[in-house]
Amino acid sequence: MRIKKSFTLRLGRFSRNSTPVNEVAPYTGEAENFFRPAADQYHRRLLKFVLSGIAGFSLSAISLLLPDFLMKWVAIPGIFLVALSLALFFSLPELQCPSCGKASDSGFGTFCPACGKAQLRVSRLWGTRCDACDRSMGSYKYRNYPIRYCTHCGILLHAQGV
């Protein structure tokens, strides 16, 4: 178990294999097949996070409108669901690239995770931007782009994007 600076708890083993930064990994259909189970698990866990968060906040809000003798029967499950949603969010599975072994959902390399071109400009001051697809990448707190390609080796991970 390791904890990153973004406070996202990553569970599972990881390897530190690397591909040279300026060299594009060859496309193999196997990489997408190896990545698909992790992407599906990520989608399921993210959906559970959203649903439990909405249900928890809704129950907590409804409990404010109820009489005192009913409030604890609605508020306690609401608080539990909010806590569950936070636990699900901070334990999202790592989206590890099968080619280079690096995490494709944290940090940026040379390649754009949306289009796969090696024209990614990483800047803390101006933000990360891809010159090829003219997309501005989100900051460390949110992600506003789909992960289709590994940002470290450039291999196609998921055709639709995670």
N, C-alpha and C. Protein backbone atom coordinates (compact mmCIF):
# COMPACT_ATOMS: atom_id res chain seq x y z
N MET A 1 0.86 -1.17 0.00
CA MET A 1 0.00 0.00 0.00
C MET A 1 0.89 1.22 0.00
N ARG A 2 0.56 2.21 -0.85
CA ARG A 2 1.33 3.43 -0.86
C ARG A 2 0.37 4.60 -0.95
N ILE A 3 0.76 5.71 -0.38
CA ILE A 3 -0.08 6.90 -0.36
C ILE A 3 0.60 7.97 -1.19
N LYS A 4 -0.14 8.56 -2.09
CA LYS A 4 0.40 9.60 -2.97
C LYS A 4 0.09 10.98 -2.40
N LYS A 5 0.70 12.00 -3.00
CA LYS A 5 0.48 13.36 -2.54
C LYS A 5 -0.95 13.81 -2.75
N SER A 6 -1.67 13.22 -3.68
CA SER A 6 -3.04 13.62 -3.94
C SER A 6 -4.02 12.97 -2.96
N PHE A 7 -3.51 12.25 -1.99
CA PHE A 7 -4.29 11.58 -0.98
C PHE A 7 -5.21 10.51 -1.55
N THR A 8 -4.87 9.97 -2.71
CA THR A 8 -5.62 8.86 -3.29
C THR A 8 -4.93 7.58 -2.86
N LEU A 9 -5.63 6.74 -2.12
CA LEU A 9 -5.08 5.51 -1.62
C LEU A 9 -5.08 4.48 -2.74
N ARG A 10 -3.94 3.95 -3.06
CA ARG A 10 -3.81 2.96 -4.12
C ARG A 10 -3.52 1.61 -3.48
N LEU A 11 -4.35 0.63 -3.77
CA LEU A 11 -4.16 -0.70 -3.22
C LEU A 11 -3.69 -1.63 -4.33
N GLY A 12 -2.76 -2.49 -4.03
CA GLY A 12 -2.30 -3.45 -5.01
C GLY A 12 -0.82 -3.31 -5.28
N ARG A 13 -0.30 -4.25 -6.06
CA ARG A 13 1.12 -4.23 -6.38
C ARG A 13 1.35 -3.35 -7.59
N PHE A 14 2.57 -2.85 -7.70
CA PHE A 14 2.93 -2.06 -8.85
C PHE A 14 4.37 -2.36 -9.21
N SER A 15 4.70 -2.15 -10.46
CA SER A 15 6.07 -2.36 -10.90
C SER A 15 6.63 -1.04 -11.40
N ARG A 16 7.93 -0.98 -11.49
CA ARG A 16 8.56 0.26 -11.90
C ARG A 16 9.29 0.09 -13.23
N ASN A 17 8.74 -0.70 -14.12
CA ASN A 17 9.32 -0.83 -15.45
C ASN A 17 9.13 0.48 -16.17
N SER A 18 10.05 0.81 -17.04
CA SER A 18 9.91 2.08 -17.74
C SER A 18 10.29 1.93 -19.20
N THR A 19 9.67 2.77 -20.01
CA THR A 19 9.97 2.88 -21.42
C THR A 19 10.64 4.22 -21.61
N PRO A 20 11.65 4.35 -22.46
CA PRO A 20 12.25 5.65 -22.68
C PRO A 20 11.19 6.68 -23.08
N VAL A 21 11.35 7.90 -22.58
CA VAL A 21 10.33 8.93 -22.75
C VAL A 21 10.13 9.31 -24.20
N ASN A 22 11.19 9.39 -24.99
CA ASN A 22 11.05 9.84 -26.37
C ASN A 22 10.70 8.72 -27.33
N GLU A 23 10.52 7.53 -26.85
CA GLU A 23 10.23 6.38 -27.70
C GLU A 23 8.78 5.95 -27.50
N VAL A 24 8.02 5.88 -28.58
CA VAL A 24 6.62 5.47 -28.49
C VAL A 24 6.56 3.95 -28.44
N ALA A 25 5.81 3.44 -27.50
CA ALA A 25 5.63 2.00 -27.39
C ALA A 25 4.77 1.52 -28.57
N PRO A 26 5.10 0.39 -29.14
CA PRO A 26 4.31 -0.10 -30.28
C PRO A 26 2.90 -0.47 -29.84
N TYR A 27 1.95 -0.24 -30.74
CA TYR A 27 0.55 -0.57 -30.42
C TYR A 27 0.35 -2.06 -30.49
N THR A 28 -0.17 -2.59 -29.44
CA THR A 28 -0.59 -3.98 -29.43
C THR A 28 -2.00 -4.02 -28.87
N GLY A 29 -2.85 -4.80 -29.48
CA GLY A 29 -4.22 -4.92 -29.00
C GLY A 29 -4.29 -5.55 -27.63
N GLU A 30 -3.22 -6.22 -27.23
CA GLU A 30 -3.19 -6.88 -25.93
C GLU A 30 -3.18 -5.86 -24.80
N ALA A 31 -2.56 -4.71 -25.00
CA ALA A 31 -2.49 -3.70 -23.93
C ALA A 31 -3.89 -3.24 -23.55
N GLU A 32 -4.74 -3.05 -24.55
CA GLU A 32 -6.10 -2.62 -24.24
C GLU A 32 -6.86 -3.73 -23.52
N ASN A 33 -6.61 -4.98 -23.89
CA ASN A 33 -7.27 -6.10 -23.21
C ASN A 33 -6.80 -6.27 -21.77
N PHE A 34 -5.51 -6.00 -21.51
CA PHE A 34 -5.00 -6.07 -20.14
C PHE A 34 -5.49 -4.91 -19.29
N PHE A 35 -5.74 -3.76 -19.91
CA PHE A 35 -6.15 -2.57 -19.19
C PHE A 35 -7.65 -2.56 -18.90
N ARG A 36 -8.44 -3.25 -19.72
CA ARG A 36 -9.90 -3.21 -19.60
C ARG A 36 -10.43 -3.64 -18.23
N PRO A 37 -9.94 -4.72 -17.59
CA PRO A 37 -10.49 -5.06 -16.27
C PRO A 37 -10.28 -3.97 -15.22
N ALA A 38 -9.11 -3.33 -15.24
CA ALA A 38 -8.86 -2.23 -14.29
C ALA A 38 -9.76 -1.04 -14.59
N ALA A 39 -9.98 -0.76 -15.87
CA ALA A 39 -10.86 0.35 -16.25
C ALA A 39 -12.31 0.06 -15.86
N ASP A 40 -12.75 -1.18 -16.04
CA ASP A 40 -14.11 -1.54 -15.65
C ASP A 40 -14.29 -1.46 -14.14
N GLN A 41 -13.30 -1.92 -13.40
CA GLN A 41 -13.38 -1.83 -11.94
C GLN A 41 -13.38 -0.37 -11.50
N TYR A 42 -12.59 0.47 -12.16
CA TYR A 42 -12.55 1.91 -11.86
C TYR A 42 -13.93 2.54 -12.10
N HIS A 43 -14.55 2.20 -13.24
CA HIS A 43 -15.89 2.74 -13.55
C HIS A 43 -16.92 2.29 -12.52
N ARG A 44 -16.91 1.01 -12.14
CA ARG A 44 -17.86 0.52 -11.15
C ARG A 44 -17.68 1.21 -9.80
N ARG A 45 -16.44 1.34 -9.37
CA ARG A 45 -16.18 1.98 -8.08
C ARG A 45 -16.55 3.45 -8.12
N LEU A 46 -16.31 4.12 -9.25
CA LEU A 46 -16.67 5.53 -9.38
C LEU A 46 -18.19 5.70 -9.37
N LEU A 47 -18.91 4.80 -10.01
CA LEU A 47 -20.37 4.84 -10.00
C LEU A 47 -20.92 4.63 -8.59
N LYS A 48 -20.34 3.67 -7.85
CA LYS A 48 -20.76 3.45 -6.47
C LYS A 48 -20.48 4.68 -5.61
N PHE A 49 -19.34 5.34 -5.85
CA PHE A 49 -19.02 6.56 -5.12
C PHE A 49 -20.06 7.64 -5.36
N VAL A 50 -20.41 7.87 -6.62
CA VAL A 50 -21.37 8.92 -6.96
C VAL A 50 -22.75 8.60 -6.38
N LEU A 51 -23.21 7.37 -6.55
CA LEU A 51 -24.54 7.01 -6.06
C LEU A 51 -24.63 7.06 -4.54
N SER A 52 -23.61 6.57 -3.85
CA SER A 52 -23.67 6.62 -2.39
C SER A 52 -23.54 8.05 -1.88
N GLY A 53 -22.77 8.87 -2.57
CA GLY A 53 -22.66 10.27 -2.16
C GLY A 53 -23.97 11.02 -2.34
N ILE A 54 -24.63 10.81 -3.47
CA ILE A 54 -25.92 11.47 -3.71
C ILE A 54 -26.96 10.99 -2.71
N ALA A 55 -27.01 9.67 -2.48
CA ALA A 55 -27.98 9.13 -1.53
C ALA A 55 -27.70 9.63 -0.12
N GLY A 56 -26.43 9.68 0.27
CA GLY A 56 -26.09 10.13 1.62
C GLY A 56 -26.42 11.59 1.85
N PHE A 57 -26.08 12.45 0.88
CA PHE A 57 -26.41 13.86 1.04
C PHE A 57 -27.92 14.09 0.98
N SER A 58 -28.62 13.31 0.17
CA SER A 58 -30.08 13.45 0.10
C SER A 58 -30.73 13.04 1.42
N LEU A 59 -30.31 11.90 1.98
CA LEU A 59 -30.87 11.47 3.27
C LEU A 59 -30.53 12.47 4.38
N SER A 60 -29.32 13.01 4.35
CA SER A 60 -28.95 14.00 5.37
C SER A 60 -29.79 15.26 5.24
N ALA A 61 -30.06 15.69 4.02
CA ALA A 61 -30.88 16.88 3.81
C ALA A 61 -32.33 16.62 4.21
N ILE A 62 -32.85 15.46 3.87
CA ILE A 62 -34.23 15.11 4.23
C ILE A 62 -34.38 15.01 5.74
N SER A 63 -33.34 14.54 6.43
CA SER A 63 -33.44 14.38 7.88
C SER A 63 -33.61 15.73 8.59
N LEU A 64 -33.18 16.80 7.97
CA LEU A 64 -33.36 18.13 8.58
C LEU A 64 -34.82 18.57 8.57
N LEU A 65 -35.61 18.00 7.68
CA LEU A 65 -37.01 18.37 7.57
C LEU A 65 -37.94 17.48 8.40
N LEU A 66 -37.41 16.39 8.94
CA LEU A 66 -38.23 15.43 9.68
C LEU A 66 -38.31 15.78 11.16
N PRO A 67 -39.33 15.27 11.86
CA PRO A 67 -39.41 15.47 13.32
C PRO A 67 -38.24 14.78 14.02
N ASP A 68 -37.99 15.18 15.27
CA ASP A 68 -36.82 14.69 16.01
C ASP A 68 -36.81 13.18 16.19
N PHE A 69 -37.94 12.55 16.43
CA PHE A 69 -37.94 11.12 16.68
C PHE A 69 -37.63 10.31 15.41
N LEU A 70 -37.80 10.88 14.22
CA LEU A 70 -37.47 10.19 12.96
C LEU A 70 -36.10 10.59 12.41
N MET A 71 -35.57 11.70 12.92
CA MET A 71 -34.34 12.22 12.34
C MET A 71 -33.18 11.23 12.44
N LYS A 72 -33.00 10.57 13.58
CA LYS A 72 -31.86 9.67 13.72
C LYS A 72 -31.97 8.45 12.80
N TRP A 73 -33.18 8.02 12.45
CA TRP A 73 -33.35 6.88 11.56
C TRP A 73 -33.03 7.21 10.11
N VAL A 74 -33.00 8.49 9.78
CA VAL A 74 -32.69 8.91 8.41
C VAL A 74 -31.29 9.52 8.34
N ALA A 75 -30.90 10.26 9.38
CA ALA A 75 -29.61 10.95 9.37
C ALA A 75 -28.43 9.99 9.50
N ILE A 76 -28.55 8.98 10.35
CA ILE A 76 -27.44 8.05 10.55
C ILE A 76 -27.11 7.26 9.28
N PRO A 77 -28.09 6.70 8.56
CA PRO A 77 -27.74 6.08 7.27
C PRO A 77 -27.19 7.09 6.27
N GLY A 78 -27.67 8.33 6.31
CA GLY A 78 -27.13 9.36 5.41
C GLY A 78 -25.67 9.65 5.68
N ILE A 79 -25.31 9.77 6.96
CA ILE A 79 -23.91 10.01 7.32
C ILE A 79 -23.05 8.80 6.97
N PHE A 80 -23.59 7.60 7.18
CA PHE A 80 -22.86 6.39 6.81
C PHE A 80 -22.61 6.35 5.30
N LEU A 81 -23.59 6.71 4.50
CA LEU A 81 -23.41 6.69 3.04
C LEU A 81 -22.41 7.74 2.58
N VAL A 82 -22.39 8.89 3.22
CA VAL A 82 -21.39 9.91 2.87
C VAL A 82 -19.99 9.40 3.21
N ALA A 83 -19.84 8.78 4.38
CA ALA A 83 -18.54 8.21 4.75
C ALA A 83 -18.14 7.09 3.80
N LEU A 84 -19.10 6.27 3.39
CA LEU A 84 -18.82 5.21 2.42
C LEU A 84 -18.37 5.78 1.09
N SER A 85 -19.02 6.85 0.65
CA SER A 85 -18.63 7.45 -0.63
C SER A 85 -17.21 8.02 -0.56
N LEU A 86 -16.83 8.61 0.56
CA LEU A 86 -15.46 9.11 0.71
C LEU A 86 -14.45 7.96 0.71
N ALA A 87 -14.80 6.86 1.39
CA ALA A 87 -13.91 5.70 1.39
C ALA A 87 -13.77 5.12 -0.02
N LEU A 88 -14.86 5.07 -0.77
CA LEU A 88 -14.79 4.57 -2.14
C LEU A 88 -13.95 5.49 -3.03
N PHE A 89 -14.07 6.79 -2.83
CA PHE A 89 -13.32 7.73 -3.65
C PHE A 89 -11.81 7.62 -3.39
N PHE A 90 -11.43 7.53 -2.12
CA PHE A 90 -10.01 7.49 -1.81
C PHE A 90 -9.38 6.11 -2.00
N SER A 91 -10.18 5.12 -2.36
CA SER A 91 -9.63 3.80 -2.64
C SER A 91 -9.91 3.37 -4.08
N LEU A 92 -10.04 4.34 -4.99
CA LEU A 92 -10.21 4.00 -6.40
C LEU A 92 -9.01 3.20 -6.88
N PRO A 93 -9.21 2.18 -7.71
CA PRO A 93 -8.07 1.37 -8.15
C PRO A 93 -7.14 2.16 -9.06
N GLU A 94 -5.89 1.77 -9.04
CA GLU A 94 -4.89 2.43 -9.86
C GLU A 94 -5.05 2.00 -11.31
N LEU A 95 -4.98 2.94 -12.21
CA LEU A 95 -5.04 2.64 -13.64
C LEU A 95 -3.60 2.52 -14.14
N GLN A 96 -3.07 1.32 -14.03
CA GLN A 96 -1.67 1.06 -14.36
C GLN A 96 -1.53 0.63 -15.81
N CYS A 97 -0.58 1.23 -16.51
CA CYS A 97 -0.33 0.89 -17.91
C CYS A 97 0.31 -0.49 -17.98
N PRO A 98 -0.22 -1.37 -18.84
CA PRO A 98 0.37 -2.71 -18.96
C PRO A 98 1.70 -2.70 -19.71
N SER A 99 2.00 -1.64 -20.44
CA SER A 99 3.23 -1.59 -21.21
C SER A 99 4.41 -1.10 -20.37
N CYS A 100 4.25 0.05 -19.70
CA CYS A 100 5.38 0.61 -18.94
C CYS A 100 5.24 0.41 -17.44
N GLY A 101 4.06 0.05 -16.96
CA GLY A 101 3.86 -0.22 -15.55
C GLY A 101 3.65 1.01 -14.69
N LYS A 102 3.56 2.18 -15.28
CA LYS A 102 3.36 3.40 -14.50
C LYS A 102 1.88 3.73 -14.40
N ALA A 103 1.52 4.52 -13.40
CA ALA A 103 0.13 4.93 -13.21
C ALA A 103 -0.26 5.93 -14.29
N SER A 104 -1.32 5.63 -15.02
CA SER A 104 -1.73 6.50 -16.12
C SER A 104 -2.73 7.56 -15.68
N ASP A 105 -3.19 7.50 -14.43
CA ASP A 105 -4.17 8.47 -13.97
C ASP A 105 -3.57 9.51 -13.02
N SER A 106 -2.28 9.47 -12.79
CA SER A 106 -1.67 10.47 -11.93
C SER A 106 -0.37 10.94 -12.55
N GLY A 107 -0.22 12.23 -12.64
CA GLY A 107 0.99 12.79 -13.22
C GLY A 107 0.96 12.76 -14.73
N PHE A 108 1.78 13.60 -15.33
CA PHE A 108 1.84 13.67 -16.78
C PHE A 108 3.24 13.36 -17.25
N GLY A 109 3.33 12.65 -18.36
CA GLY A 109 4.60 12.39 -19.02
C GLY A 109 4.71 13.26 -20.25
N THR A 110 5.17 12.68 -21.35
CA THR A 110 5.34 13.41 -22.59
C THR A 110 4.10 13.35 -23.47
N PHE A 111 3.33 12.28 -23.36
CA PHE A 111 2.22 12.04 -24.27
C PHE A 111 0.90 12.53 -23.68
N CYS A 112 0.02 13.01 -24.57
CA CYS A 112 -1.30 13.47 -24.16
C CYS A 112 -2.17 12.24 -23.86
N PRO A 113 -2.84 12.20 -22.70
CA PRO A 113 -3.68 11.05 -22.39
C PRO A 113 -4.95 10.98 -23.22
N ALA A 114 -5.34 12.07 -23.87
CA ALA A 114 -6.57 12.09 -24.66
C ALA A 114 -6.31 11.73 -26.12
N CYS A 115 -5.25 12.30 -26.73
CA CYS A 115 -5.03 12.04 -28.16
C CYS A 115 -3.80 11.18 -28.43
N GLY A 116 -2.89 11.05 -27.48
CA GLY A 116 -1.72 10.18 -27.64
C GLY A 116 -0.53 10.81 -28.32
N LYS A 117 -0.61 12.07 -28.71
CA LYS A 117 0.52 12.75 -29.37
C LYS A 117 1.54 13.19 -28.34
N ALA A 118 2.79 13.31 -28.76
CA ALA A 118 3.87 13.70 -27.86
C ALA A 118 4.04 15.22 -27.84
N GLN A 119 2.95 15.95 -27.73
CA GLN A 119 3.00 17.41 -27.73
C GLN A 119 2.39 17.98 -26.45
N LEU A 120 2.62 17.34 -25.33
CA LEU A 120 2.06 17.77 -24.06
C LEU A 120 3.02 18.73 -23.38
N ARG A 121 2.52 19.90 -23.02
CA ARG A 121 3.31 20.90 -22.28
C ARG A 121 2.83 20.91 -20.84
N VAL A 122 3.70 20.52 -19.92
CA VAL A 122 3.36 20.48 -18.50
C VAL A 122 3.91 21.74 -17.85
N SER A 123 3.00 22.51 -17.23
CA SER A 123 3.40 23.74 -16.56
C SER A 123 2.55 23.91 -15.31
N ARG A 124 3.21 24.13 -14.18
CA ARG A 124 2.46 24.36 -12.95
C ARG A 124 1.83 25.74 -12.94
N LEU A 125 2.47 26.68 -13.59
CA LEU A 125 1.97 28.05 -13.60
C LEU A 125 0.81 28.23 -14.57
N TRP A 126 0.96 27.75 -15.79
CA TRP A 126 -0.06 27.96 -16.83
C TRP A 126 -0.99 26.78 -17.02
N GLY A 127 -0.71 25.66 -16.38
CA GLY A 127 -1.53 24.47 -16.54
C GLY A 127 -1.00 23.57 -17.65
N THR A 128 -1.39 22.34 -17.63
CA THR A 128 -0.94 21.37 -18.63
C THR A 128 -1.83 21.47 -19.85
N ARG A 129 -1.20 21.51 -21.03
CA ARG A 129 -1.93 21.71 -22.28
C ARG A 129 -1.32 20.85 -23.37
N CYS A 130 -2.18 20.30 -24.22
CA CYS A 130 -1.73 19.54 -25.39
C CYS A 130 -1.82 20.43 -26.61
N ASP A 131 -0.72 20.56 -27.33
CA ASP A 131 -0.72 21.40 -28.53
C ASP A 131 -1.40 20.70 -29.71
N ALA A 132 -1.44 19.37 -29.71
CA ALA A 132 -2.03 18.64 -30.83
C ALA A 132 -3.55 18.73 -30.83
N CYS A 133 -4.18 18.47 -29.68
CA CYS A 133 -5.65 18.48 -29.63
C CYS A 133 -6.19 19.75 -28.98
N ASP A 134 -5.31 20.65 -28.58
CA ASP A 134 -5.67 21.95 -27.98
C ASP A 134 -6.57 21.77 -26.77
N ARG A 135 -6.24 20.78 -25.95
CA ARG A 135 -7.03 20.49 -24.75
C ARG A 135 -6.23 20.93 -23.53
N SER A 136 -6.93 21.55 -22.61
CA SER A 136 -6.33 21.93 -21.34
C SER A 136 -6.66 20.85 -20.31
N MET A 137 -5.63 20.29 -19.73
CA MET A 137 -5.81 19.20 -18.77
C MET A 137 -6.18 19.78 -17.40
N GLY A 138 -6.96 19.04 -16.65
CA GLY A 138 -7.38 19.48 -15.32
C GLY A 138 -6.23 19.52 -14.35
N SER A 139 -6.48 20.14 -13.23
CA SER A 139 -5.44 20.24 -12.21
C SER A 139 -5.39 18.94 -11.43
N TYR A 140 -4.62 18.95 -10.33
CA TYR A 140 -4.44 17.72 -9.57
C TYR A 140 -5.69 17.32 -8.79
N LYS A 141 -6.67 18.19 -8.65
CA LYS A 141 -7.87 17.86 -7.87
C LYS A 141 -8.98 17.25 -8.72
N TYR A 142 -8.96 17.45 -10.01
CA TYR A 142 -10.00 16.88 -10.85
C TYR A 142 -9.42 16.54 -12.21
N ARG A 143 -10.15 15.72 -12.94
CA ARG A 143 -9.70 15.32 -14.27
C ARG A 143 -10.83 15.60 -15.24
N ASN A 144 -10.59 16.45 -16.24
CA ASN A 144 -11.61 16.83 -17.20
C ASN A 144 -11.31 16.27 -18.60
N TYR A 145 -10.63 15.18 -18.66
CA TYR A 145 -10.26 14.57 -19.94
C TYR A 145 -10.35 13.05 -19.81
N PRO A 146 -10.60 12.36 -20.90
CA PRO A 146 -10.61 10.89 -20.83
C PRO A 146 -9.19 10.34 -20.97
N ILE A 147 -8.91 9.27 -20.27
CA ILE A 147 -7.61 8.62 -20.42
C ILE A 147 -7.76 7.55 -21.49
N ARG A 148 -7.21 7.82 -22.65
CA ARG A 148 -7.21 6.86 -23.76
C ARG A 148 -5.82 6.27 -23.97
N TYR A 149 -4.80 7.09 -23.78
CA TYR A 149 -3.41 6.69 -24.02
C TYR A 149 -2.61 6.85 -22.73
N CYS A 150 -1.55 6.06 -22.61
CA CYS A 150 -0.65 6.21 -21.47
C CYS A 150 0.15 7.49 -21.67
N THR A 151 0.22 8.31 -20.66
CA THR A 151 0.93 9.57 -20.77
C THR A 151 2.44 9.39 -20.71
N HIS A 152 2.90 8.21 -20.30
CA HIS A 152 4.33 7.96 -20.17
C HIS A 152 4.93 7.27 -21.40
N CYS A 153 4.19 6.31 -21.98
CA CYS A 153 4.74 5.58 -23.13
C CYS A 153 3.93 5.77 -24.41
N GLY A 154 2.72 6.30 -24.35
CA GLY A 154 1.94 6.63 -25.53
C GLY A 154 1.12 5.50 -26.11
N ILE A 155 1.02 4.37 -25.44
CA ILE A 155 0.28 3.23 -25.99
C ILE A 155 -1.22 3.42 -25.74
N LEU A 156 -2.05 2.92 -26.65
CA LEU A 156 -3.50 3.00 -26.50
C LEU A 156 -3.95 2.08 -25.38
N LEU A 157 -4.65 2.66 -24.39
CA LEU A 157 -5.12 1.89 -23.25
C LEU A 157 -6.60 1.55 -23.33
N HIS A 158 -7.41 2.52 -23.75
CA HIS A 158 -8.86 2.35 -23.77
C HIS A 158 -9.41 3.20 -24.90
N ALA A 159 -10.13 2.61 -25.84
CA ALA A 159 -10.59 3.33 -27.02
C ALA A 159 -11.59 4.42 -26.68
N GLN A 160 -12.51 4.17 -25.74
CA GLN A 160 -13.51 5.17 -25.38
C GLN A 160 -12.97 6.15 -24.37
N GLY A 161 -12.07 5.74 -23.54
CA GLY A 161 -11.51 6.59 -22.49
C GLY A 161 -12.10 6.27 -21.15
N VAL A 162 -11.28 6.38 -20.14
CA VAL A 162 -11.69 6.11 -18.76
C VAL A 162 -11.90 7.43 -18.05
